Amino acid sequence: MKKQLSVLMLALLVVVLTACSGGTGGGPNTGNAGNTGDTGNTGNAANTGEDNAADNGAAAGKQVELRIMWWGDQKRADRTNEALRKFEEKNPGIKVVGEFSPSSGYFDKLNTQLASGTAPDVFFLGGNVVDYANKNVLLDLQPYVGKQLNLDDMDKAMVEYGTINGKLIHISAGANARGVVVNTEMFKKAGMPVPTDDWTWDQYIAISKELSDKLGKGYYGTYDFTVDGMDIALKQKGKQLYDMEAGTLGFEEKDAEGWFSFWNKAHQTGGVVPAELHVSNPPGDTSKSLIVTGKVAMGLIPSNQFAAHQNLIQDPLTLLQVPKGDKGRAIVFESSQGMSGYAKTKHPEEVAKLMDFWINDPDAAAILGNDRGVPVTSKMRDLLSKDATPIDQIVYDYTSKVSVTAAEEQVKVSYNPPGFTEYSKLADSTMLEIGFGRKKVEEAVNDFYTGVVKIFNSNTE
């Protein structure tokens, strides 16, 4: 009887141990499943000093769990989760839990998690990376370079972009360049030739008005990109939004007034989307953009958004470089967005491994494509360009052209000023106050600049 009881107890023990170790090798969860209030420290495999720490953990029956958060739509989430499943397949000792939010609420969610100490191990940032660098919440990745993280084939400009205050805290996940998206069919219907890259701002506005006049009521030559194009316009005059080296704003009130005045005059001339339509059909929301409904011929977009626009309209689109200013075009091949690690993560080596997979693995490149911009390593760009669709080829050709122009003009890649979220809201409201006629340009810009200085000072003290 004792022998039978011993056998039964042993069998039960095997069942319990099997149940406890199961269910950890599946694909990443989607939505908000990972928002559990921890930092993903479910195993002991990390911080061993070994490159193969995760694999050793898996062999020992232990597993590391990472959380990663990004912004975007469901299509981006599907691509990202597929890539994360591939990473898990190649790194069986690591499980990745994914979270995503629309861009409109992403940073509010991230900031809440950072404040409560529950931020993901990896999260995506854009041009506002400086804000988070100043808060000291980002992991220094330099100790893992050459080990878990290989940057040998990464564009040097991208590495420099991610290095702030002497620390490598950001790995670009994609590169792009802003450009003017052009509906060539609308030009054809208006009986006008598609412009070339050799154009000026005055010509741009004149072309926009002519298009609108010839196509008739309800059609417009261009969206107003006072806000999105401000840093470009400033650089074309030897200024910039934020002088990071000096630690100051890179422009004065008169510089902003010139740019706001330019667009206000363009509105009065005609050919620019009016303020009320800009609000109801914002250019940043591709699904609502008047470009994809064939009502607006031109607008400023990041090159990684070109495919999203083209996929929603039958009219053929193309990309042109922005008009020239006093000091050229001032467009650079820049980081679209990238990954940063949480300073409090308990698994820094695995964080570095995930980032390395993202930028160097051929399977990752094939899955992720150009959704966040073209790959930041030359080998992965070459890999994707071999099988590029006609739409993707336009992006590759455009970014290559910008790369040549940027090398000739030597324009610095700039960072968004500290407090960029607040700055963006203020800039948007200023543009609309002028557009709706609530304020004169001079008054609006004075209030704008005063507000910008206040925001900057409150985020740099």
Protein backbone atom coordinates (compact mmCIF):
# COMPACT_ATOMS: atom_id res chain seq x y z
CA MET A 1 0.00 0.00 0.00
CA LYS A 2 2.86 2.36 0.90
CA LYS A 3 4.54 1.56 -2.40
CA GLN A 4 1.35 2.37 -4.33
CA LEU A 5 0.92 5.64 -2.38
CA SER A 6 4.52 6.64 -3.18
CA VAL A 7 4.01 6.00 -6.88
CA LEU A 8 0.78 8.03 -6.84
CA MET A 9 2.45 10.98 -5.07
CA LEU A 10 5.34 10.91 -7.56
CA ALA A 11 2.92 10.99 -10.49
CA LEU A 12 1.05 13.93 -8.98
CA LEU A 13 4.31 15.79 -8.47
CA VAL A 14 5.22 15.33 -12.15
CA VAL A 15 1.82 16.70 -13.19
CA VAL A 16 2.19 19.75 -10.95
CA LEU A 17 5.71 20.52 -12.18
CA THR A 18 4.60 20.15 -15.79
CA ALA A 19 1.67 22.52 -15.28
CA CYS A 20 3.86 25.14 -13.62
CA SER A 21 6.37 25.18 -16.46
CA GLY A 22 3.88 25.17 -19.36
CA GLY A 23 2.35 27.96 -21.42
CA THR A 24 5.44 30.20 -21.59
CA GLY A 25 6.65 29.50 -25.08
CA GLY A 26 3.75 30.90 -27.09
CA GLY A 27 3.52 34.02 -29.20
CA PRO A 28 3.33 37.52 -27.75
CA ASN A 29 0.05 38.80 -26.43
CA THR A 30 -1.58 41.76 -28.12
CA GLY A 31 -3.56 44.71 -26.88
CA ASN A 32 -2.94 45.61 -23.23
CA ALA A 33 -2.32 42.13 -21.93
CA GLY A 34 1.13 43.01 -20.67
CA ASN A 35 -0.03 45.91 -18.50
CA THR A 36 0.15 43.89 -15.31
CA GLY A 37 2.10 46.29 -13.12
CA ASP A 38 5.43 44.43 -13.16
CA THR A 39 8.57 44.94 -15.19
CA GLY A 40 8.61 41.51 -16.75
CA ASN A 41 10.98 39.83 -14.24
CA THR A 42 9.51 36.34 -14.33
CA GLY A 43 12.78 34.45 -14.60
CA ASN A 44 16.38 34.53 -13.42
CA ALA A 45 18.12 34.10 -16.77
CA ALA A 46 19.23 37.73 -17.15
CA ASN A 47 22.31 39.46 -15.75
CA THR A 48 24.52 36.35 -15.91
CA GLY A 49 27.26 37.97 -17.95
CA GLU A 50 26.86 35.32 -20.62
CA ASP A 51 25.81 36.06 -24.22
CA ASN A 52 23.67 32.94 -24.15
CA ALA A 53 22.02 33.69 -20.81
CA ALA A 54 18.52 33.29 -22.19
CA ASP A 55 19.29 29.91 -23.74
CA ASN A 56 20.89 28.71 -20.49
CA GLY A 57 17.76 29.84 -18.66
CA ALA A 58 15.57 27.88 -21.05
CA ALA A 59 17.71 24.77 -20.60
CA ALA A 60 17.27 25.09 -16.85
CA GLY A 61 13.51 25.37 -17.23
CA LYS A 62 13.48 29.10 -16.49
CA GLN A 63 12.32 31.84 -18.80
CA VAL A 64 12.65 35.58 -19.09
CA GLU A 65 9.62 37.70 -19.94
CA LEU A 66 9.97 41.07 -21.66
CA ARG A 67 7.27 43.68 -22.25
CA ILE A 68 7.42 45.94 -25.28
CA MET A 69 5.10 48.81 -26.19
CA TRP A 70 4.65 50.73 -29.43
CA TRP A 71 2.11 53.00 -31.11
CA GLY A 72 0.24 52.42 -34.34
CA ASP A 73 -2.71 50.71 -35.96
CA GLN A 74 -3.74 47.07 -36.11
CA LYS A 75 -1.75 46.44 -39.29
CA ARG A 76 1.44 47.55 -37.55
CA ALA A 77 0.52 45.46 -34.52
CA ASP A 78 0.08 42.36 -36.68
CA ARG A 79 3.51 42.84 -38.28
CA THR A 80 5.16 43.54 -34.95
CA ASN A 81 3.63 40.55 -33.21
CA GLU A 82 4.64 38.27 -36.07
CA ALA A 83 8.22 39.49 -35.73
CA LEU A 84 8.12 38.98 -31.95
CA ARG A 85 6.92 35.41 -32.43
CA LYS A 86 9.90 34.85 -34.73
CA PHE A 87 12.22 36.30 -32.07
CA GLU A 88 10.76 33.91 -29.48
CA GLU A 89 11.29 31.03 -31.88
CA LYS A 90 14.97 31.93 -32.20
CA ASN A 91 15.33 32.71 -28.49
CA PRO A 92 13.29 30.04 -26.66
CA GLY A 93 14.43 31.38 -23.29
CA ILE A 94 12.64 34.69 -23.83
CA LYS A 95 8.92 35.43 -23.98
CA VAL A 96 7.77 38.82 -25.25
CA VAL A 97 4.47 40.44 -24.27
CA GLY A 98 3.38 43.17 -26.67
CA GLU A 99 1.23 46.25 -26.02
CA PHE A 100 0.19 48.91 -28.49
CA SER A 101 -1.85 52.09 -28.47
CA PRO A 102 -2.98 54.66 -31.03
CA SER A 103 -0.47 57.45 -31.37
CA SER A 104 -2.91 59.92 -29.81
CA GLY A 105 -2.85 58.25 -26.40
CA TYR A 106 0.45 56.41 -26.48
CA PHE A 107 2.65 58.85 -24.60
CA ASP A 108 0.06 59.55 -21.92
CA LYS A 109 -0.03 55.82 -21.26
CA LEU A 110 3.75 55.52 -21.28
CA ASN A 111 4.19 58.48 -18.96
CA THR A 112 1.71 57.01 -16.49
CA GLN A 113 3.59 53.72 -16.44
CA LEU A 114 6.95 55.44 -16.02
CA ALA A 115 5.59 57.49 -13.12
CA SER A 116 4.33 54.34 -11.39
CA GLY A 117 7.47 52.31 -12.08
CA THR A 118 5.59 49.82 -14.28
CA ALA A 119 6.98 50.76 -17.70
CA PRO A 120 7.71 48.06 -20.29
CA ASP A 121 11.26 46.75 -20.67
CA VAL A 122 11.31 48.20 -24.20
CA PHE A 123 9.22 51.06 -25.58
CA PHE A 124 9.17 53.14 -28.71
CA LEU A 125 10.04 56.84 -28.81
CA GLY A 126 10.25 59.35 -31.61
CA GLY A 127 11.82 62.78 -31.84
CA ASN A 128 10.86 63.34 -28.20
CA VAL A 129 13.60 60.97 -27.00
CA VAL A 130 15.37 63.96 -25.43
CA ASP A 131 12.49 64.42 -22.98
CA TYR A 132 12.97 60.89 -21.69
CA ALA A 133 16.76 61.13 -21.69
CA ASN A 134 16.45 64.15 -19.39
CA LYS A 135 14.25 62.14 -17.03
CA ASN A 136 16.96 59.46 -16.66
CA VAL A 137 14.48 56.65 -17.34
CA LEU A 138 16.32 55.10 -20.31
CA LEU A 139 18.75 52.19 -20.24
CA ASP A 140 22.35 52.82 -21.30
CA LEU A 141 22.91 50.20 -24.01
CA GLN A 142 26.63 50.84 -24.51
CA PRO A 143 27.77 47.92 -22.25
CA TYR A 144 25.99 45.49 -24.58
CA VAL A 145 27.36 46.79 -27.89
CA GLY A 146 29.57 44.20 -29.54
CA LYS A 147 27.99 41.48 -27.40
CA GLN A 148 24.22 41.17 -27.48
CA LEU A 149 23.86 44.23 -29.73
CA ASN A 150 25.74 44.56 -33.03
CA LEU A 151 25.81 48.05 -34.53
CA ASP A 152 28.61 47.50 -37.08
CA ASP A 153 26.29 47.79 -40.08
CA MET A 154 24.06 50.54 -38.70
CA ASP A 155 24.25 53.99 -40.28
CA LYS A 156 26.59 56.11 -38.16
CA ALA A 157 24.12 58.99 -38.16
CA MET A 158 21.55 56.71 -36.57
CA VAL A 159 24.00 55.64 -33.85
CA GLU A 160 24.85 59.27 -33.16
CA TYR A 161 21.16 60.14 -33.01
CA GLY A 162 20.63 57.55 -30.28
CA THR A 163 23.60 58.74 -28.22
CA ILE A 164 22.63 61.55 -25.85
CA ASN A 165 24.78 62.95 -23.05
CA GLY A 166 27.38 60.28 -23.78
CA LYS A 167 24.97 57.37 -23.39
CA LEU A 168 23.53 55.09 -26.08
CA ILE A 169 19.85 55.13 -25.10
CA HIS A 170 17.95 54.75 -28.36
CA ILE A 171 18.15 52.32 -31.28
CA SER A 172 16.43 53.53 -34.43
CA ALA A 173 13.93 51.02 -35.74
CA GLY A 174 13.57 52.67 -39.11
CA ALA A 175 14.83 55.63 -41.09
CA ASN A 176 12.99 57.99 -43.35
CA ALA A 177 12.97 61.46 -44.82
CA ARG A 178 10.13 63.90 -45.04
CA GLY A 179 8.98 64.80 -48.51
CA VAL A 180 6.09 66.18 -50.52
CA VAL A 181 3.60 63.52 -51.53
CA VAL A 182 2.14 64.39 -54.95
CA ASN A 183 -1.02 63.13 -56.64
CA THR A 184 0.14 62.95 -60.27
CA GLU A 185 -3.38 62.26 -61.55
CA MET A 186 -4.63 65.59 -60.21
CA PHE A 187 -1.84 67.36 -62.08
CA LYS A 188 -2.84 65.45 -65.22
CA LYS A 189 -6.50 66.47 -64.84
CA ALA A 190 -5.44 70.09 -64.36
CA GLY A 191 -3.29 69.92 -67.50
CA MET A 192 -0.17 70.77 -65.49
CA PRO A 193 3.24 69.07 -65.47
CA VAL A 194 4.33 67.34 -62.27
CA PRO A 195 6.95 69.58 -60.62
CA THR A 196 10.60 68.63 -60.32
CA ASP A 197 12.75 68.72 -57.19
CA ASP A 198 14.18 72.04 -58.33
CA TRP A 199 11.42 74.29 -57.00
CA THR A 200 11.10 77.11 -54.47
CA TRP A 201 8.49 77.86 -51.81
CA ASP A 202 6.98 80.67 -53.83
CA GLN A 203 6.64 78.28 -56.77
CA TYR A 204 5.08 75.69 -54.48
CA ILE A 205 2.32 78.06 -53.40
CA ALA A 206 1.78 79.34 -56.94
CA ILE A 207 1.41 75.76 -58.20
CA SER A 208 -1.03 74.98 -55.39
CA LYS A 209 -3.24 77.92 -56.31
CA GLU A 210 -3.17 77.08 -60.02
CA LEU A 211 -4.17 73.49 -59.28
CA SER A 212 -7.06 74.59 -57.10
CA ASP A 213 -8.27 77.12 -59.67
CA LYS A 214 -8.18 74.64 -62.55
CA LEU A 215 -9.76 71.72 -60.66
CA GLY A 216 -12.55 73.83 -59.20
CA LYS A 217 -14.41 74.18 -55.92
CA GLY A 218 -13.62 71.56 -53.26
CA TYR A 219 -10.14 70.83 -54.61
CA TYR A 220 -6.96 72.15 -53.08
CA GLY A 221 -3.33 72.23 -54.09
CA THR A 222 -1.84 71.60 -50.67
CA TYR A 223 -2.35 71.00 -47.01
CA ASP A 224 -1.02 73.63 -44.60
CA PHE A 225 2.11 72.26 -42.95
CA THR A 226 3.10 75.25 -40.88
CA VAL A 227 3.76 73.02 -37.87
CA ASP A 228 5.26 69.91 -39.48
CA GLY A 229 7.47 71.96 -41.78
CA MET A 230 8.71 74.52 -39.27
CA ASP A 231 12.02 72.85 -38.42
CA ILE A 232 12.73 72.42 -42.14
CA ALA A 233 11.97 76.09 -42.81
CA LEU A 234 14.17 77.16 -39.89
CA LYS A 235 17.07 75.01 -41.07
CA GLN A 236 16.76 76.48 -44.54
CA LYS A 237 17.63 79.80 -42.91
CA GLY A 238 20.43 78.48 -40.74
CA LYS A 239 18.28 78.03 -37.60
CA GLN A 240 16.54 75.08 -35.97
CA LEU A 241 13.88 74.30 -33.39
CA TYR A 242 16.32 73.09 -30.76
CA ASP A 243 20.08 73.63 -30.49
CA MET A 244 20.99 70.63 -28.40
CA GLU A 245 24.69 71.43 -28.25
CA ALA A 246 24.02 74.86 -26.79
CA GLY A 247 21.07 73.63 -24.76
CA THR A 248 18.85 76.44 -26.03
CA LEU A 249 16.01 77.04 -28.45
CA GLY A 250 17.44 77.40 -31.92
CA PHE A 251 15.19 80.18 -33.20
CA GLU A 252 13.75 83.56 -32.28
CA GLU A 253 10.25 84.98 -32.46
CA LYS A 254 10.89 86.77 -35.75
CA ASP A 255 11.91 83.46 -37.36
CA ALA A 256 8.60 81.86 -36.39
CA GLU A 257 6.66 84.93 -37.49
CA GLY A 258 8.14 84.72 -40.98
CA TRP A 259 7.01 81.11 -41.41
CA PHE A 260 3.51 81.62 -39.99
CA SER A 261 3.13 84.74 -42.17
CA PHE A 262 4.14 82.77 -45.25
CA TRP A 263 1.33 80.25 -44.76
CA ASN A 264 -1.19 82.92 -43.77
CA LYS A 265 -0.51 84.71 -47.05
CA ALA A 266 -0.83 81.38 -48.90
CA HIS A 267 -4.29 80.91 -47.41
CA GLN A 268 -5.31 84.35 -48.57
CA THR A 269 -3.96 83.66 -52.05
CA GLY A 270 -5.87 80.39 -52.31
CA GLY A 271 -5.06 76.75 -52.94
CA VAL A 272 -4.51 75.73 -49.29
CA VAL A 273 -6.88 73.51 -47.31
CA PRO A 274 -8.92 75.85 -45.04
CA ALA A 275 -8.74 75.53 -41.27
CA GLU A 276 -12.16 73.92 -40.82
CA LEU A 277 -11.32 71.12 -43.24
CA HIS A 278 -7.86 70.75 -41.74
CA VAL A 279 -9.51 70.01 -38.39
CA SER A 280 -12.13 67.57 -39.72
CA ASN A 281 -9.69 65.89 -42.11
CA PRO A 282 -6.28 66.12 -40.42
CA PRO A 283 -3.35 65.20 -42.66
CA GLY A 284 -1.79 63.12 -39.89
CA ASP A 285 -4.73 60.68 -39.92
CA THR A 286 -4.24 58.81 -43.18
CA SER A 287 -7.75 57.36 -43.14
CA LYS A 288 -9.27 60.87 -43.05
CA SER A 289 -6.73 62.69 -45.19
CA LEU A 290 -8.05 64.57 -48.20
CA ILE A 291 -5.02 63.36 -50.11
CA VAL A 292 -6.38 59.80 -50.17
CA THR A 293 -9.81 61.04 -51.28
CA GLY A 294 -8.29 62.87 -54.24
CA LYS A 295 -9.26 66.34 -52.98
CA VAL A 296 -5.75 67.61 -52.15
CA ALA A 297 -2.79 67.24 -54.48
CA MET A 298 0.17 67.75 -52.14
CA GLY A 299 1.23 67.50 -48.51
CA LEU A 300 4.25 66.90 -46.30
CA ILE A 301 4.67 63.34 -45.02
CA PRO A 302 7.42 61.07 -43.66
CA SER A 303 8.50 58.66 -46.39
CA ASN A 304 7.40 55.65 -44.33
CA GLN A 305 3.78 56.86 -44.66
CA PHE A 306 3.87 56.84 -48.46
CA ALA A 307 2.62 53.25 -48.83
CA ALA A 308 -0.26 53.89 -46.42
CA HIS A 309 -1.39 56.80 -48.59
CA GLN A 310 -0.96 54.99 -51.90
CA ASN A 311 -2.81 51.91 -50.68
CA LEU A 312 -5.92 54.01 -50.01
CA ILE A 313 -6.16 55.71 -53.40
CA GLN A 314 -6.07 54.55 -57.01
CA ASP A 315 -4.47 57.75 -58.30
CA PRO A 316 -0.71 57.28 -58.65
CA LEU A 317 1.33 59.16 -56.06
CA THR A 318 5.00 60.08 -55.96
CA LEU A 319 7.45 61.79 -53.62
CA LEU A 320 9.36 65.01 -54.26
CA GLN A 321 11.93 66.78 -52.15
CA VAL A 322 10.69 69.88 -50.32
CA PRO A 323 11.17 73.26 -52.04
CA LYS A 324 14.51 75.00 -51.62
CA GLY A 325 15.19 77.72 -49.10
CA ASP A 326 18.11 80.08 -48.62
CA LYS A 327 20.40 77.24 -47.54
CA GLY A 328 19.06 74.42 -49.67
CA ARG A 329 16.40 71.87 -48.76
CA ALA A 330 17.60 71.04 -45.24
CA ILE A 331 16.19 67.52 -45.43
CA VAL A 332 18.11 64.65 -43.88
CA PHE A 333 17.94 60.89 -43.75
CA GLU A 334 16.72 60.60 -40.15
CA SER A 335 15.36 58.26 -37.54
CA SER A 336 11.61 57.81 -37.83
CA GLN A 337 11.23 56.17 -34.42
CA GLY A 338 13.13 53.74 -32.33
CA MET A 339 13.44 51.52 -29.28
CA SER A 340 14.65 52.46 -25.83
CA GLY A 341 15.08 50.23 -22.81
CA TYR A 342 13.63 50.99 -19.40
CA ALA A 343 16.40 51.96 -16.97
CA LYS A 344 14.83 49.72 -14.30
CA THR A 345 14.55 46.60 -16.46
CA LYS A 346 15.87 43.47 -14.79
CA HIS A 347 16.78 41.94 -18.15
CA PRO A 348 19.09 44.40 -19.99
CA GLU A 349 20.89 41.69 -21.97
CA GLU A 350 17.66 40.31 -23.34
CA VAL A 351 16.52 43.86 -24.15
CA ALA A 352 19.71 44.32 -26.19
CA LYS A 353 19.14 40.97 -27.93
CA LEU A 354 15.65 42.00 -28.97
CA MET A 355 16.95 45.26 -30.42
CA ASP A 356 19.71 43.43 -32.27
CA PHE A 357 17.16 41.06 -33.79
CA TRP A 358 15.08 44.04 -34.90
CA ILE A 359 17.84 45.73 -36.90
CA ASN A 360 20.03 42.82 -38.03
CA ASP A 361 17.89 39.72 -38.55
CA PRO A 362 16.77 39.00 -42.15
CA ASP A 363 13.54 37.37 -40.98
CA ALA A 364 12.70 40.43 -38.90
CA ALA A 365 13.38 42.72 -41.86
CA ALA A 366 11.18 40.62 -44.14
CA ILE A 367 8.29 40.72 -41.66
CA LEU A 368 8.54 44.36 -40.56
CA GLY A 369 9.23 45.78 -44.02
CA ASN A 370 9.16 49.57 -44.31
CA ASP A 371 6.31 50.17 -41.88
CA ARG A 372 8.49 52.24 -39.55
CA GLY A 373 10.80 53.45 -42.27
CA VAL A 374 13.52 51.79 -44.32
CA PRO A 375 15.93 49.53 -42.38
CA VAL A 376 18.79 51.29 -40.56
CA THR A 377 21.39 48.73 -41.65
CA SER A 378 22.64 48.57 -45.22
CA LYS A 379 22.39 44.78 -45.45
CA MET A 380 18.73 44.79 -44.51
CA ARG A 381 18.00 47.65 -46.94
CA ASP A 382 19.70 45.70 -49.73
CA LEU A 383 17.72 42.61 -48.77
CA LEU A 384 14.35 44.36 -48.97
CA SER A 385 15.12 46.36 -52.10
CA LYS A 386 15.68 43.14 -54.08
CA ASP A 387 12.00 42.24 -53.82
CA ALA A 388 10.57 45.73 -53.45
CA THR A 389 7.10 46.43 -54.76
CA PRO A 390 6.69 49.41 -57.11
CA ILE A 391 5.34 51.41 -54.16
CA ASP A 392 8.27 50.52 -51.91
CA GLN A 393 10.69 51.23 -54.75
CA ILE A 394 9.47 54.84 -54.85
CA VAL A 395 10.38 55.13 -51.16
CA TYR A 396 13.80 53.54 -51.68
CA ASP A 397 14.52 55.82 -54.62
CA TYR A 398 13.40 58.86 -52.70
CA THR A 399 15.39 58.14 -49.55
CA SER A 400 18.47 57.40 -51.65
CA LYS A 401 18.05 60.76 -53.38
CA VAL A 402 17.69 62.53 -50.04
CA SER A 403 20.76 60.76 -48.74
CA VAL A 404 22.80 62.22 -51.60
CA THR A 405 21.34 65.71 -51.08
CA ALA A 406 21.97 65.57 -47.33
CA ALA A 407 25.59 64.58 -47.91
CA GLU A 408 26.05 67.62 -50.14
CA GLU A 409 24.32 70.06 -47.79
CA GLN A 410 25.61 68.65 -44.48
CA VAL A 411 22.55 69.51 -42.41
CA LYS A 412 22.58 68.33 -38.82
CA VAL A 413 19.97 65.89 -37.60
CA SER A 414 18.16 67.80 -34.89
CA TYR A 415 16.16 66.66 -31.91
CA ASN A 416 12.75 67.87 -30.92
CA PRO A 417 12.90 70.44 -28.11
CA PRO A 418 12.24 69.32 -24.53
CA GLY A 419 8.52 69.34 -23.82
CA PHE A 420 7.78 68.52 -27.45
CA THR A 421 4.27 67.21 -26.79
CA GLU A 422 3.30 70.51 -25.18
CA TYR A 423 5.11 72.40 -27.94
CA SER A 424 3.19 70.52 -30.65
CA LYS A 425 -0.18 71.28 -29.08
CA LEU A 426 0.72 74.96 -28.79
CA ALA A 427 1.96 75.13 -32.38
CA ASP A 428 -1.21 73.44 -33.69
CA SER A 429 -3.48 75.77 -31.74
CA THR A 430 -1.51 78.80 -32.98
CA MET A 431 -1.88 77.69 -36.58
CA LEU A 432 -5.64 77.27 -36.13
CA GLU A 433 -6.09 80.55 -34.29
CA ILE A 434 -4.60 82.29 -37.31
CA GLY A 435 -6.50 80.05 -39.73
CA PHE A 436 -9.86 80.76 -38.14
CA GLY A 437 -9.09 84.47 -37.92
CA ARG A 438 -9.17 84.59 -34.14
CA LYS A 439 -5.78 86.27 -33.92
CA LYS A 440 -3.54 88.29 -36.18
CA VAL A 441 -0.24 86.64 -37.07
CA GLU A 442 1.84 88.99 -34.92
CA GLU A 443 -0.29 88.48 -31.79
CA ALA A 444 -0.55 84.72 -32.28
CA VAL A 445 3.18 84.27 -32.83
CA ASN A 446 4.03 86.46 -29.84
CA ASP A 447 1.84 84.27 -27.64
CA PHE A 448 3.29 81.17 -29.31
CA TYR A 449 6.91 82.12 -28.72
CA THR A 450 6.25 83.18 -25.13
CA GLY A 451 4.61 79.80 -24.55
CA VAL A 452 7.44 77.90 -26.22
CA VAL A 453 10.03 79.59 -24.00
CA LYS A 454 7.97 78.73 -20.93
CA ILE A 455 7.61 75.09 -22.00
CA PHE A 456 11.31 74.83 -22.78
CA ASN A 457 12.39 76.32 -19.47
CA SER A 458 10.02 74.14 -17.44
CA ASN A 459 11.41 71.01 -19.11
CA THR A 460 15.10 71.89 -18.78
CA GLU A 461 15.30 73.21 -15.21
